Amino acid sequence: MPISGPAAVTNQHCTGVGLTAFYECTLSPSSISSHAAILESDGSITLGYPGYTGSWSQSSDDTLWFAYTYYGTVVATFSGEGVDGSCFEGLTTFPGSAYVSPYQVCLD
């Protein structure tokens, strides 16, 4: 799934301690939240929230990495693998926190 921006994506996720896969989010569907983002062609990310931006890349066609920043400080990083023709799944970590968020990132 090579991505060439701009590409609109929807990120579904839940947050907790000790989570290892997005599948765990689906066990409690009410815990899943989502947000939209645009993976821009210059490697940046557009989020619809003041102060938030990010960057993204692919080291291979079946991987996706991104980082969200808040006023220039990294607040979250995602690393995932392709799971079908339009989605990536992996974990998002938050610097300085024990929390993790399994994410499913799907091209719209």
PDB file of N, CA and C in Angstrom:
ATOM      1  N   MET A   1       0.818  -1.182   0.000  1.00  0.00           N
ATOM      2  CA  MET A   1       0.000   0.000   0.000  1.00  0.00           C
ATOM      3  C   MET A   1       0.871   1.258   0.000  1.00  0.00           C
ATOM      4  N   PRO A   2       1.514   1.515  -1.076  1.00  0.00           N
ATOM      5  CA  PRO A   2       2.276   2.766  -1.111  1.00  0.00           C
ATOM      6  C   PRO A   2       1.324   3.962  -1.065  1.00  0.00           C
ATOM      7  N   ILE A   3       1.703   4.972  -0.304  1.00  0.00           N
ATOM      8  CA  ILE A   3       0.873   6.167  -0.157  1.00  0.00           C
ATOM      9  C   ILE A   3       1.587   7.334  -0.830  1.00  0.00           C
ATOM     10  N   SER A   4       0.845   8.052  -1.634  1.00  0.00           N
ATOM     11  CA  SER A   4       1.356   9.314  -2.156  1.00  0.00           C
ATOM     12  C   SER A   4       0.331  10.367  -1.782  1.00  0.00           C
ATOM     13  N   GLY A   5       0.751  11.348  -1.017  1.00  0.00           N
ATOM     14  CA  GLY A   5      -0.172  12.349  -0.504  1.00  0.00           C
ATOM     15  C   GLY A   5      -0.599  13.320  -1.563  1.00  0.00           C
ATOM     16  N   PRO A   6      -1.586  14.115  -1.305  1.00  0.00           N
ATOM     17  CA  PRO A   6      -2.324  14.077  -0.045  1.00  0.00           C
ATOM     18  C   PRO A   6      -3.266  12.879   0.014  1.00  0.00           C
ATOM     19  N   ALA A   7      -3.306  12.249   1.189  1.00  0.00           N
ATOM     20  CA  ALA A   7      -4.162  11.089   1.401  1.00  0.00           C
ATOM     21  C   ALA A   7      -4.922  11.279   2.710  1.00  0.00           C
ATOM     22  N   ALA A   8      -6.238  11.287   2.620  1.00  0.00           N
ATOM     23  CA  ALA A   8      -7.074  11.390   3.817  1.00  0.00           C
ATOM     24  C   ALA A   8      -7.118  10.025   4.497  1.00  0.00           C
ATOM     25  N   VAL A   9      -6.961  10.018   5.816  1.00  0.00           N
ATOM     26  CA  VAL A   9      -7.017   8.788   6.589  1.00  0.00           C
ATOM     27  C   VAL A   9      -7.921   8.983   7.796  1.00  0.00           C
ATOM     28  N   THR A  10      -8.454   7.884   8.278  1.00  0.00           N
ATOM     29  CA  THR A  10      -9.197   7.865   9.529  1.00  0.00           C
ATOM     30  C   THR A  10      -8.460   6.949  10.484  1.00  0.00           C
ATOM     31  N   ASN A  11      -8.140   7.463  11.656  1.00  0.00           N
ATOM     32  CA  ASN A  11      -7.443   6.706  12.690  1.00  0.00           C
ATOM     33  C   ASN A  11      -8.445   6.296  13.756  1.00  0.00           C
ATOM     34  N   GLN A  12      -8.586   4.986  13.964  1.00  0.00           N
ATOM     35  CA  GLN A  12      -9.398   4.478  15.071  1.00  0.00           C
ATOM     36  C   GLN A  12      -8.443   3.971  16.142  1.00  0.00           C
ATOM     37  N   HIS A  13      -8.801   4.176  17.424  1.00  0.00           N
ATOM     38  CA  HIS A  13      -7.879   3.802  18.483  1.00  0.00           C
ATOM     39  C   HIS A  13      -8.579   3.702  19.826  1.00  0.00           C
ATOM     40  N   CYS A  14      -7.910   3.021  20.751  1.00  0.00           N
ATOM     41  CA  CYS A  14      -8.275   3.016  22.154  1.00  0.00           C
ATOM     42  C   CYS A  14      -6.970   3.160  22.929  1.00  0.00           C
ATOM     43  N   THR A  15      -7.057   3.514  24.196  1.00  0.00           N
ATOM     44  CA  THR A  15      -5.847   3.765  24.978  1.00  0.00           C
ATOM     45  C   THR A  15      -5.897   2.990  26.284  1.00  0.00           C
ATOM     46  N   GLY A  16      -4.746   2.464  26.683  1.00  0.00           N
ATOM     47  CA  GLY A  16      -4.648   1.758  27.957  1.00  0.00           C
ATOM     48  C   GLY A  16      -3.205   1.397  28.245  1.00  0.00           C
ATOM     49  N   VAL A  17      -3.001   0.579  29.248  1.00  0.00           N
ATOM     50  CA  VAL A  17      -1.676   0.101  29.615  1.00  0.00           C
ATOM     51  C   VAL A  17      -1.610  -1.387  29.281  1.00  0.00           C
ATOM     52  N   GLY A  18      -0.532  -1.804  28.646  1.00  0.00           N
ATOM     53  CA  GLY A  18      -0.346  -3.218  28.334  1.00  0.00           C
ATOM     54  C   GLY A  18      -1.044  -3.695  27.072  1.00  0.00           C
ATOM     55  N   LEU A  19      -1.640  -2.800  26.297  1.00  0.00           N
ATOM     56  CA  LEU A  19      -2.292  -3.193  25.054  1.00  0.00           C
ATOM     57  C   LEU A  19      -1.233  -3.531  24.005  1.00  0.00           C
ATOM     58  N   THR A  20      -1.535  -4.504  23.152  1.00  0.00           N
ATOM     59  CA  THR A  20      -0.546  -4.954  22.169  1.00  0.00           C
ATOM     60  C   THR A  20      -1.037  -4.948  20.728  1.00  0.00           C
ATOM     61  N   ALA A  21      -2.354  -4.831  20.509  1.00  0.00           N
ATOM     62  CA  ALA A  21      -2.879  -4.895  19.140  1.00  0.00           C
ATOM     63  C   ALA A  21      -4.246  -4.214  19.059  1.00  0.00           C
ATOM     64  N   PHE A  22      -4.582  -3.716  17.864  1.00  0.00           N
ATOM     65  CA  PHE A  22      -5.874  -3.065  17.660  1.00  0.00           C
ATOM     66  C   PHE A  22      -7.030  -4.018  17.960  1.00  0.00           C
ATOM     67  N   TYR A  23      -6.826  -5.300  17.738  1.00  0.00           N
ATOM     68  CA  TYR A  23      -7.868  -6.285  18.021  1.00  0.00           C
ATOM     69  C   TYR A  23      -8.414  -6.112  19.437  1.00  0.00           C
ATOM     70  N   GLU A  24      -7.541  -5.774  20.393  1.00  0.00           N
ATOM     71  CA  GLU A  24      -7.991  -5.590  21.767  1.00  0.00           C
ATOM     72  C   GLU A  24      -8.997  -4.451  21.885  1.00  0.00           C
ATOM     73  N   CYS A  25      -8.882  -3.449  21.047  1.00  0.00           N
ATOM     74  CA  CYS A  25      -9.860  -2.351  21.041  1.00  0.00           C
ATOM     75  C   CYS A  25     -11.241  -2.866  20.638  1.00  0.00           C
ATOM     76  N   THR A  26     -11.268  -3.801  19.683  1.00  0.00           N
ATOM     77  CA  THR A  26     -12.548  -4.294  19.173  1.00  0.00           C
ATOM     78  C   THR A  26     -13.298  -5.132  20.202  1.00  0.00           C
ATOM     79  N   LEU A  27     -12.605  -5.582  21.256  1.00  0.00           N
ATOM     80  CA  LEU A  27     -13.274  -6.349  22.306  1.00  0.00           C
ATOM     81  C   LEU A  27     -14.186  -5.461  23.145  1.00  0.00           C
ATOM     82  N   SER A  28     -13.913  -4.169  23.156  1.00  0.00           N
ATOM     83  CA  SER A  28     -14.758  -3.175  23.839  1.00  0.00           C
ATOM     84  C   SER A  28     -15.020  -2.037  22.855  1.00  0.00           C
ATOM     85  N   PRO A  29     -15.924  -2.252  21.893  1.00  0.00           N
ATOM     86  CA  PRO A  29     -16.136  -1.261  20.836  1.00  0.00           C
ATOM     87  C   PRO A  29     -16.448   0.141  21.346  1.00  0.00           C
ATOM     88  N   SER A  30     -17.056   0.265  22.517  1.00  0.00           N
ATOM     89  CA  SER A  30     -17.381   1.591  23.027  1.00  0.00           C
ATOM     90  C   SER A  30     -16.121   2.365  23.443  1.00  0.00           C
ATOM     91  N   SER A  31     -14.986   1.676  23.554  1.00  0.00           N
ATOM     92  CA  SER A  31     -13.740   2.352  23.927  1.00  0.00           C
ATOM     93  C   SER A  31     -13.016   2.939  22.714  1.00  0.00           C
ATOM     94  N   ILE A  32     -13.502   2.649  21.513  1.00  0.00           N
ATOM     95  CA  ILE A  32     -12.843   3.112  20.291  1.00  0.00           C
ATOM     96  C   ILE A  32     -13.247   4.545  19.982  1.00  0.00           C
ATOM     97  N   SER A  33     -12.254   5.380  19.757  1.00  0.00           N
ATOM     98  CA  SER A  33     -12.507   6.727  19.265  1.00  0.00           C
ATOM     99  C   SER A  33     -11.749   6.886  17.953  1.00  0.00           C
ATOM    100  N   SER A  34     -11.966   7.997  17.283  1.00  0.00           N
ATOM    101  CA  SER A  34     -11.319   8.173  15.984  1.00  0.00           C
ATOM    102  C   SER A  34     -11.049   9.646  15.720  1.00  0.00           C
ATOM    103  N   HIS A  35     -10.152   9.871  14.778  1.00  0.00           N
ATOM    104  CA  HIS A  35      -9.905  11.225  14.294  1.00  0.00           C
ATOM    105  C   HIS A  35      -9.400  11.140  12.857  1.00  0.00           C
ATOM    106  N   ALA A  36      -9.608  12.206  12.137  1.00  0.00           N
ATOM    107  CA  ALA A  36      -9.187  12.275  10.738  1.00  0.00           C
ATOM    108  C   ALA A  36      -7.852  13.001  10.636  1.00  0.00           C
ATOM    109  N   ALA A  37      -7.106  12.680   9.593  1.00  0.00           N
ATOM    110  CA  ALA A  37      -5.838  13.354   9.317  1.00  0.00           C
ATOM    111  C   ALA A  37      -5.613  13.318   7.810  1.00  0.00           C
ATOM    112  N   ILE A  38      -4.726  14.176   7.341  1.00  0.00           N
ATOM    113  CA  ILE A  38      -4.326  14.152   5.924  1.00  0.00           C
ATOM    114  C   ILE A  38      -2.819  13.979   5.873  1.00  0.00           C
ATOM    115  N   LEU A  39      -2.385  12.915   5.205  1.00  0.00           N
ATOM    116  CA  LEU A  39      -0.968  12.675   4.974  1.00  0.00           C
ATOM    117  C   LEU A  39      -0.598  13.451   3.716  1.00  0.00           C
ATOM    118  N   GLU A  40       0.111  14.542   3.903  1.00  0.00           N
ATOM    119  CA  GLU A  40       0.440  15.446   2.799  1.00  0.00           C
ATOM    120  C   GLU A  40       1.598  14.897   1.961  1.00  0.00           C
ATOM    121  N   SER A  41       1.685  15.336   0.710  1.00  0.00           N
ATOM    122  CA  SER A  41       2.717  14.841  -0.209  1.00  0.00           C
ATOM    123  C   SER A  41       4.128  15.233   0.208  1.00  0.00           C
ATOM    124  N   ASP A  42       4.294  16.253   1.041  1.00  0.00           N
ATOM    125  CA  ASP A  42       5.631  16.660   1.491  1.00  0.00           C
ATOM    126  C   ASP A  42       6.069  15.941   2.768  1.00  0.00           C
ATOM    127  N   GLY A  43       5.296  14.922   3.221  1.00  0.00           N
ATOM    128  CA  GLY A  43       5.648  14.171   4.423  1.00  0.00           C
ATOM    129  C   GLY A  43       5.106  14.773   5.705  1.00  0.00           C
ATOM    130  N   SER A  44       4.354  15.863   5.608  1.00  0.00           N
ATOM    131  CA  SER A  44       3.748  16.449   6.801  1.00  0.00           C
ATOM    132  C   SER A  44       2.340  15.885   6.989  1.00  0.00           C
ATOM    133  N   ILE A  45       1.779  16.139   8.153  1.00  0.00           N
ATOM    134  CA  ILE A  45       0.417  15.698   8.460  1.00  0.00           C
ATOM    135  C   ILE A  45      -0.401  16.917   8.856  1.00  0.00           C
ATOM    136  N   THR A  46      -1.592  17.006   8.296  1.00  0.00           N
ATOM    137  CA  THR A  46      -2.539  18.042   8.671  1.00  0.00           C
ATOM    138  C   THR A  46      -3.590  17.418   9.575  1.00  0.00           C
ATOM    139  N   LEU A  47      -3.707  17.977  10.767  1.00  0.00           N
ATOM    140  CA  LEU A  47      -4.737  17.584  11.731  1.00  0.00           C
ATOM    141  C   LEU A  47      -5.621  18.798  11.956  1.00  0.00           C
ATOM    142  N   GLY A  48      -6.839  18.607  12.273  1.00  0.00           N
ATOM    143  CA  GLY A  48      -7.743  19.742  12.426  1.00  0.00           C
ATOM    144  C   GLY A  48      -7.771  20.341  13.810  1.00  0.00           C
ATOM    145  N   TYR A  49      -6.652  20.308  14.525  1.00  0.00           N
ATOM    146  CA  TYR A  49      -6.620  20.794  15.890  1.00  0.00           C
ATOM    147  C   TYR A  49      -5.521  21.838  16.032  1.00  0.00           C
ATOM    148  N   PRO A  50      -5.813  22.994  16.630  1.00  0.00           N
ATOM    149  CA  PRO A  50      -4.804  24.055  16.774  1.00  0.00           C
ATOM    150  C   PRO A  50      -3.541  23.554  17.489  1.00  0.00           C
ATOM    151  N   GLY A  51      -2.380  23.884  16.929  1.00  0.00           N
ATOM    152  CA  GLY A  51      -1.103  23.527  17.524  1.00  0.00           C
ATOM    153  C   GLY A  51      -0.583  22.159  17.157  1.00  0.00           C
ATOM    154  N   TYR A  52      -1.445  21.297  16.607  1.00  0.00           N
ATOM    155  CA  TYR A  52      -1.034  19.942  16.258  1.00  0.00           C
ATOM    156  C   TYR A  52      -0.664  19.844  14.785  1.00  0.00           C
ATOM    157  N   THR A  53       0.413  19.144  14.509  1.00  0.00           N
ATOM    158  CA  THR A  53       0.840  18.810  13.159  1.00  0.00           C
ATOM    159  C   THR A  53       1.606  17.498  13.260  1.00  0.00           C
ATOM    160  N   GLY A  54       2.321  17.138  12.226  1.00  0.00           N
ATOM    161  CA  GLY A  54       3.079  15.901  12.296  1.00  0.00           C
ATOM    162  C   GLY A  54       3.846  15.631  11.028  1.00  0.00           C
ATOM    163  N   SER A  55       4.473  14.462  11.013  1.00  0.00           N
ATOM    164  CA  SER A  55       5.196  14.000   9.824  1.00  0.00           C
ATOM    165  C   SER A  55       4.967  12.499   9.673  1.00  0.00           C
ATOM    166  N   TRP A  56       5.113  12.015   8.433  1.00  0.00           N
ATOM    167  CA  TRP A  56       4.883  10.596   8.166  1.00  0.00           C
ATOM    168  C   TRP A  56       5.878  10.106   7.126  1.00  0.00           C
ATOM    169  N   SER A  57       6.058   8.781   7.085  1.00  0.00           N
ATOM    170  CA  SER A  57       6.915   8.160   6.077  1.00  0.00           C
ATOM    171  C   SER A  57       6.586   6.679   5.969  1.00  0.00           C
ATOM    172  N   GLN A  58       7.097   6.098   4.899  1.00  0.00           N
ATOM    173  CA  GLN A  58       6.990   4.667   4.674  1.00  0.00           C
ATOM    174  C   GLN A  58       8.384   4.140   4.346  1.00  0.00           C
ATOM    175  N   SER A  59       8.883   3.182   5.120  1.00  0.00           N
ATOM    176  CA  SER A  59      10.170   2.572   4.794  1.00  0.00           C
ATOM    177  C   SER A  59      10.002   1.454   3.787  1.00  0.00           C
ATOM    178  N   SER A  60       8.760   0.975   3.632  1.00  0.00           N
ATOM    179  CA  SER A  60       8.392   0.001   2.605  1.00  0.00           C
ATOM    180  C   SER A  60       6.910   0.183   2.324  1.00  0.00           C
ATOM    181  N   ASP A  61       6.426  -0.429   1.240  1.00  0.00           N
ATOM    182  CA  ASP A  61       5.028  -0.249   0.853  1.00  0.00           C
ATOM    183  C   ASP A  61       4.033  -0.771   1.894  1.00  0.00           C
ATOM    184  N   ASP A  62       4.475  -1.676   2.764  1.00  0.00           N
ATOM    185  CA  ASP A  62       3.539  -2.255   3.726  1.00  0.00           C
ATOM    186  C   ASP A  62       3.762  -1.761   5.157  1.00  0.00           C
ATOM    187  N   THR A  63       4.448  -0.624   5.304  1.00  0.00           N
ATOM    188  CA  THR A  63       4.635  -0.034   6.632  1.00  0.00           C
ATOM    189  C   THR A  63       4.240   1.436   6.604  1.00  0.00           C
ATOM    190  N   LEU A  64       3.878   1.943   7.762  1.00  0.00           N
ATOM    191  CA  LEU A  64       3.567   3.367   7.914  1.00  0.00           C
ATOM    192  C   LEU A  64       4.098   3.808   9.269  1.00  0.00           C
ATOM    193  N   TRP A  65       4.773   4.940   9.292  1.00  0.00           N
ATOM    194  CA  TRP A  65       5.262   5.557  10.523  1.00  0.00           C
ATOM    195  C   TRP A  65       4.781   6.994  10.528  1.00  0.00           C
ATOM    196  N   PHE A  66       4.367   7.489  11.692  1.00  0.00           N
ATOM    197  CA  PHE A  66       4.115   8.919  11.805  1.00  0.00           C
ATOM    198  C   PHE A  66       4.352   9.397  13.226  1.00  0.00           C
ATOM    199  N   ALA A  67       4.549  10.689  13.345  1.00  0.00           N
ATOM    200  CA  ALA A  67       4.683  11.349  14.647  1.00  0.00           C
ATOM    201  C   ALA A  67       3.769  12.557  14.650  1.00  0.00           C
ATOM    202  N   TYR A  68       3.064  12.755  15.748  1.00  0.00           N
ATOM    203  CA  TYR A  68       2.276  13.956  15.966  1.00  0.00           C
ATOM    204  C   TYR A  68       3.075  14.882  16.869  1.00  0.00           C
ATOM    205  N   THR A  69       3.009  16.159  16.575  1.00  0.00           N
ATOM    206  CA  THR A  69       3.666  17.154  17.418  1.00  0.00           C
ATOM    207  C   THR A  69       2.637  18.181  17.876  1.00  0.00           C
ATOM    208  N   TYR A  70       2.906  18.754  19.028  1.00  0.00           N
ATOM    209  CA  TYR A  70       2.084  19.830  19.562  1.00  0.00           C
ATOM    210  C   TYR A  70       3.018  21.006  19.792  1.00  0.00           C
ATOM    211  N   TYR A  71       2.829  22.039  18.988  1.00  0.00           N
ATOM    212  CA  TYR A  71       3.723  23.202  19.004  1.00  0.00           C
ATOM    213  C   TYR A  71       5.190  22.783  18.969  1.00  0.00           C
ATOM    214  N   GLY A  72       5.500  21.817  18.081  1.00  0.00           N
ATOM    215  CA  GLY A  72       6.878  21.400  17.845  1.00  0.00           C
ATOM    216  C   GLY A  72       7.406  20.293  18.726  1.00  0.00           C
ATOM    217  N   THR A  73       6.679  19.884  19.749  1.00  0.00           N
ATOM    218  CA  THR A  73       7.113  18.814  20.641  1.00  0.00           C
ATOM    219  C   THR A  73       6.400  17.524  20.264  1.00  0.00           C
ATOM    220  N   VAL A  74       7.152  16.440  20.077  1.00  0.00           N
ATOM    221  CA  VAL A  74       6.549  15.151  19.733  1.00  0.00           C
ATOM    222  C   VAL A  74       5.700  14.668  20.907  1.00  0.00           C
ATOM    223  N   VAL A  75       4.435  14.370  20.615  1.00  0.00           N
ATOM    224  CA  VAL A  75       3.517  13.904  21.649  1.00  0.00           C
ATOM    225  C   VAL A  75       3.031  12.479  21.406  1.00  0.00           C
ATOM    226  N   ALA A  76       3.242  11.941  20.193  1.00  0.00           N
ATOM    227  CA  ALA A  76       2.818  10.584  19.879  1.00  0.00           C
ATOM    228  C   ALA A  76       3.575  10.085  18.650  1.00  0.00           C
ATOM    229  N   THR A  77       3.916   8.780  18.661  1.00  0.00           N
ATOM    230  CA  THR A  77       4.525   8.164  17.481  1.00  0.00           C
ATOM    231  C   THR A  77       3.814   6.851  17.187  1.00  0.00           C
ATOM    232  N   PHE A  78       3.586   6.589  15.913  1.00  0.00           N
ATOM    233  CA  PHE A  78       2.905   5.383  15.444  1.00  0.00           C
ATOM    234  C   PHE A  78       3.840   4.616  14.524  1.00  0.00           C
ATOM    235  N   SER A  79       3.818   3.299  14.651  1.00  0.00           N
ATOM    236  CA  SER A  79       4.523   2.416  13.726  1.00  0.00           C
ATOM    237  C   SER A  79       3.593   1.246  13.443  1.00  0.00           C
ATOM    238  N   GLY A  80       3.258   1.045  12.153  1.00  0.00           N
ATOM    239  CA  GLY A  80       2.304   0.000  11.821  1.00  0.00           C
ATOM    240  C   GLY A  80       2.617  -0.705  10.527  1.00  0.00           C
ATOM    241  N   GLU A  81       1.907  -1.799  10.313  1.00  0.00           N
ATOM    242  CA  GLU A  81       2.056  -2.617   9.114  1.00  0.00           C
ATOM    243  C   GLU A  81       0.715  -2.749   8.406  1.00  0.00           C
ATOM    244  N   GLY A  82       0.778  -2.903   7.080  1.00  0.00           N
ATOM    245  CA  GLY A  82      -0.433  -3.081   6.297  1.00  0.00           C
ATOM    246  C   GLY A  82      -1.139  -4.365   6.670  1.00  0.00           C
ATOM    247  N   VAL A  83      -2.468  -4.279   6.827  1.00  0.00           N
ATOM    248  CA  VAL A  83      -3.247  -5.459   7.182  1.00  0.00           C
ATOM    249  C   VAL A  83      -4.246  -5.844   6.101  1.00  0.00           C
ATOM    250  N   ASP A  84      -4.470  -4.965   5.161  1.00  0.00           N
ATOM    251  CA  ASP A  84      -5.312  -5.272   4.005  1.00  0.00           C
ATOM    252  C   ASP A  84      -5.002  -4.224   2.949  1.00  0.00           C
ATOM    253  N   GLY A  85      -5.853  -4.057   1.983  1.00  0.00           N
ATOM    254  CA  GLY A  85      -5.570  -3.141   0.896  1.00  0.00           C
ATOM    255  C   GLY A  85      -5.667  -1.672   1.228  1.00  0.00           C
ATOM    256  N   SER A  86      -6.150  -1.313   2.425  1.00  0.00           N
ATOM    257  CA  SER A  86      -6.307   0.108   2.724  1.00  0.00           C
ATOM    258  C   SER A  86      -6.033   0.491   4.173  1.00  0.00           C
ATOM    259  N   CYS A  87      -5.607  -0.445   5.023  1.00  0.00           N
ATOM    260  CA  CYS A  87      -5.403  -0.139   6.439  1.00  0.00           C
ATOM    261  C   CYS A  87      -4.040  -0.612   6.943  1.00  0.00           C
ATOM    262  N   PHE A  88      -3.560   0.106   7.954  1.00  0.00           N
ATOM    263  CA  PHE A  88      -2.356  -0.254   8.685  1.00  0.00           C
ATOM    264  C   PHE A  88      -2.754  -0.388  10.155  1.00  0.00           C
ATOM    265  N   GLU A  89      -2.133  -1.327  10.869  1.00  0.00           N
ATOM    266  CA  GLU A  89      -2.366  -1.455  12.293  1.00  0.00           C
ATOM    267  C   GLU A  89      -1.030  -1.479  13.016  1.00  0.00           C
ATOM    268  N   GLY A  90      -1.012  -0.857  14.191  1.00  0.00           N
ATOM    269  CA  GLY A  90       0.191  -0.825  15.001  1.00  0.00           C
ATOM    270  C   GLY A  90      -0.074  -0.087  16.292  1.00  0.00           C
ATOM    271  N   LEU A  91       1.015   0.204  17.004  1.00  0.00           N
ATOM    272  CA  LEU A  91       0.900   0.869  18.293  1.00  0.00           C
ATOM    273  C   LEU A  91       1.370   2.304  18.223  1.00  0.00           C
ATOM    274  N   THR A  92       0.659   3.163  18.934  1.00  0.00           N
ATOM    275  CA  THR A  92       1.075   4.544  19.129  1.00  0.00           C
ATOM    276  C   THR A  92       1.546   4.664  20.572  1.00  0.00           C
ATOM    277  N   THR A  93       2.729   5.255  20.731  1.00  0.00           N
ATOM    278  CA  THR A  93       3.275   5.487  22.065  1.00  0.00           C
ATOM    279  C   THR A  93       3.344   6.990  22.313  1.00  0.00           C
ATOM    280  N   PHE A  94       3.417   7.339  23.576  1.00  0.00           N
ATOM    281  CA  PHE A  94       3.406   8.729  23.996  1.00  0.00           C
ATOM    282  C   PHE A  94       4.639   8.967  24.866  1.00  0.00           C
ATOM    283  N   PRO A  95       5.594   9.781  24.415  1.00  0.00           N
ATOM    284  CA  PRO A  95       6.826   9.994  25.173  1.00  0.00           C
ATOM    285  C   PRO A  95       6.552  10.362  26.636  1.00  0.00           C
ATOM    286  N   GLY A  96       7.230   9.660  27.540  1.00  0.00           N
ATOM    287  CA  GLY A  96       7.089   9.950  28.958  1.00  0.00           C
ATOM    288  C   GLY A  96       5.866   9.336  29.612  1.00  0.00           C
ATOM    289  N   SER A  97       5.139   8.469  28.895  1.00  0.00           N
ATOM    290  CA  SER A  97       3.908   7.885  29.418  1.00  0.00           C
ATOM    291  C   SER A  97       3.940   6.367  29.285  1.00  0.00           C
ATOM    292  N   ALA A  98       3.265   5.667  30.194  1.00  0.00           N
ATOM    293  CA  ALA A  98       3.135   4.212  30.118  1.00  0.00           C
ATOM    294  C   ALA A  98       1.987   3.799  29.203  1.00  0.00           C
ATOM    295  N   TYR A  99       1.174   4.763  28.776  1.00  0.00           N
ATOM    296  CA  TYR A  99       0.022   4.445  27.938  1.00  0.00           C
ATOM    297  C   TYR A  99       0.434   4.146  26.506  1.00  0.00           C
ATOM    298  N   VAL A 100      -0.319   3.243  25.883  1.00  0.00           N
ATOM    299  CA  VAL A 100      -0.174   2.952  24.463  1.00  0.00           C
ATOM    300  C   VAL A 100      -1.560   2.967  23.843  1.00  0.00           C
ATOM    301  N   SER A 101      -1.610   3.253  22.563  1.00  0.00           N
ATOM    302  CA  SER A 101      -2.870   3.212  21.825  1.00  0.00           C
ATOM    303  C   SER A 101      -2.699   2.339  20.599  1.00  0.00           C
ATOM    304  N   PRO A 102      -3.370   1.200  20.565  1.00  0.00           N
ATOM    305  CA  PRO A 102      -3.418   0.460  19.310  1.00  0.00           C
ATOM    306  C   PRO A 102      -4.217   1.298  18.300  1.00  0.00           C
ATOM    307  N   TYR A 103      -3.649   1.487  17.124  1.00  0.00           N
ATOM    308  CA  TYR A 103      -4.291   2.273  16.077  1.00  0.00           C
ATOM    309  C   TYR A 103      -4.578   1.403  14.860  1.00  0.00           C
ATOM    310  N   GLN A 104      -5.681   1.703  14.208  1.00  0.00           N
ATOM    311  CA  GLN A 104      -5.956   1.223  12.865  1.00  0.00           C
ATOM    312  C   GLN A 104      -6.077   2.480  12.008  1.00  0.00           C
ATOM    313  N   VAL A 105      -5.188   2.617  11.041  1.00  0.00           N
ATOM    314  CA  VAL A 105      -5.140   3.794  10.175  1.00  0.00           C
ATOM    315  C   VAL A 105      -5.577   3.353   8.783  1.00  0.00           C
ATOM    316  N   CYS A 106      -6.713   3.876   8.326  1.00  0.00           N
ATOM    317  CA  CYS A 106      -7.277   3.448   7.038  1.00  0.00           C
ATOM    318  C   CYS A 106      -7.374   4.623   6.078  1.00  0.00           C
ATOM    319  N   LEU A 107      -6.990   4.370   4.838  1.00  0.00           N
ATOM    320  CA  LEU A 107      -7.159   5.356   3.786  1.00  0.00           C
ATOM    321  C   LEU A 107      -8.637   5.541   3.526  1.00  0.00           C
ATOM    322  N   ASP A 108      -9.090   6.786   3.415  1.00  0.00           N
ATOM    323  CA  ASP A 108     -10.510   7.060   3.152  1.00  0.00           C
ATOM    324  C   ASP A 108     -10.838   6.836   1.683  1.00  0.00           C
TER     325      ASP A 108
END
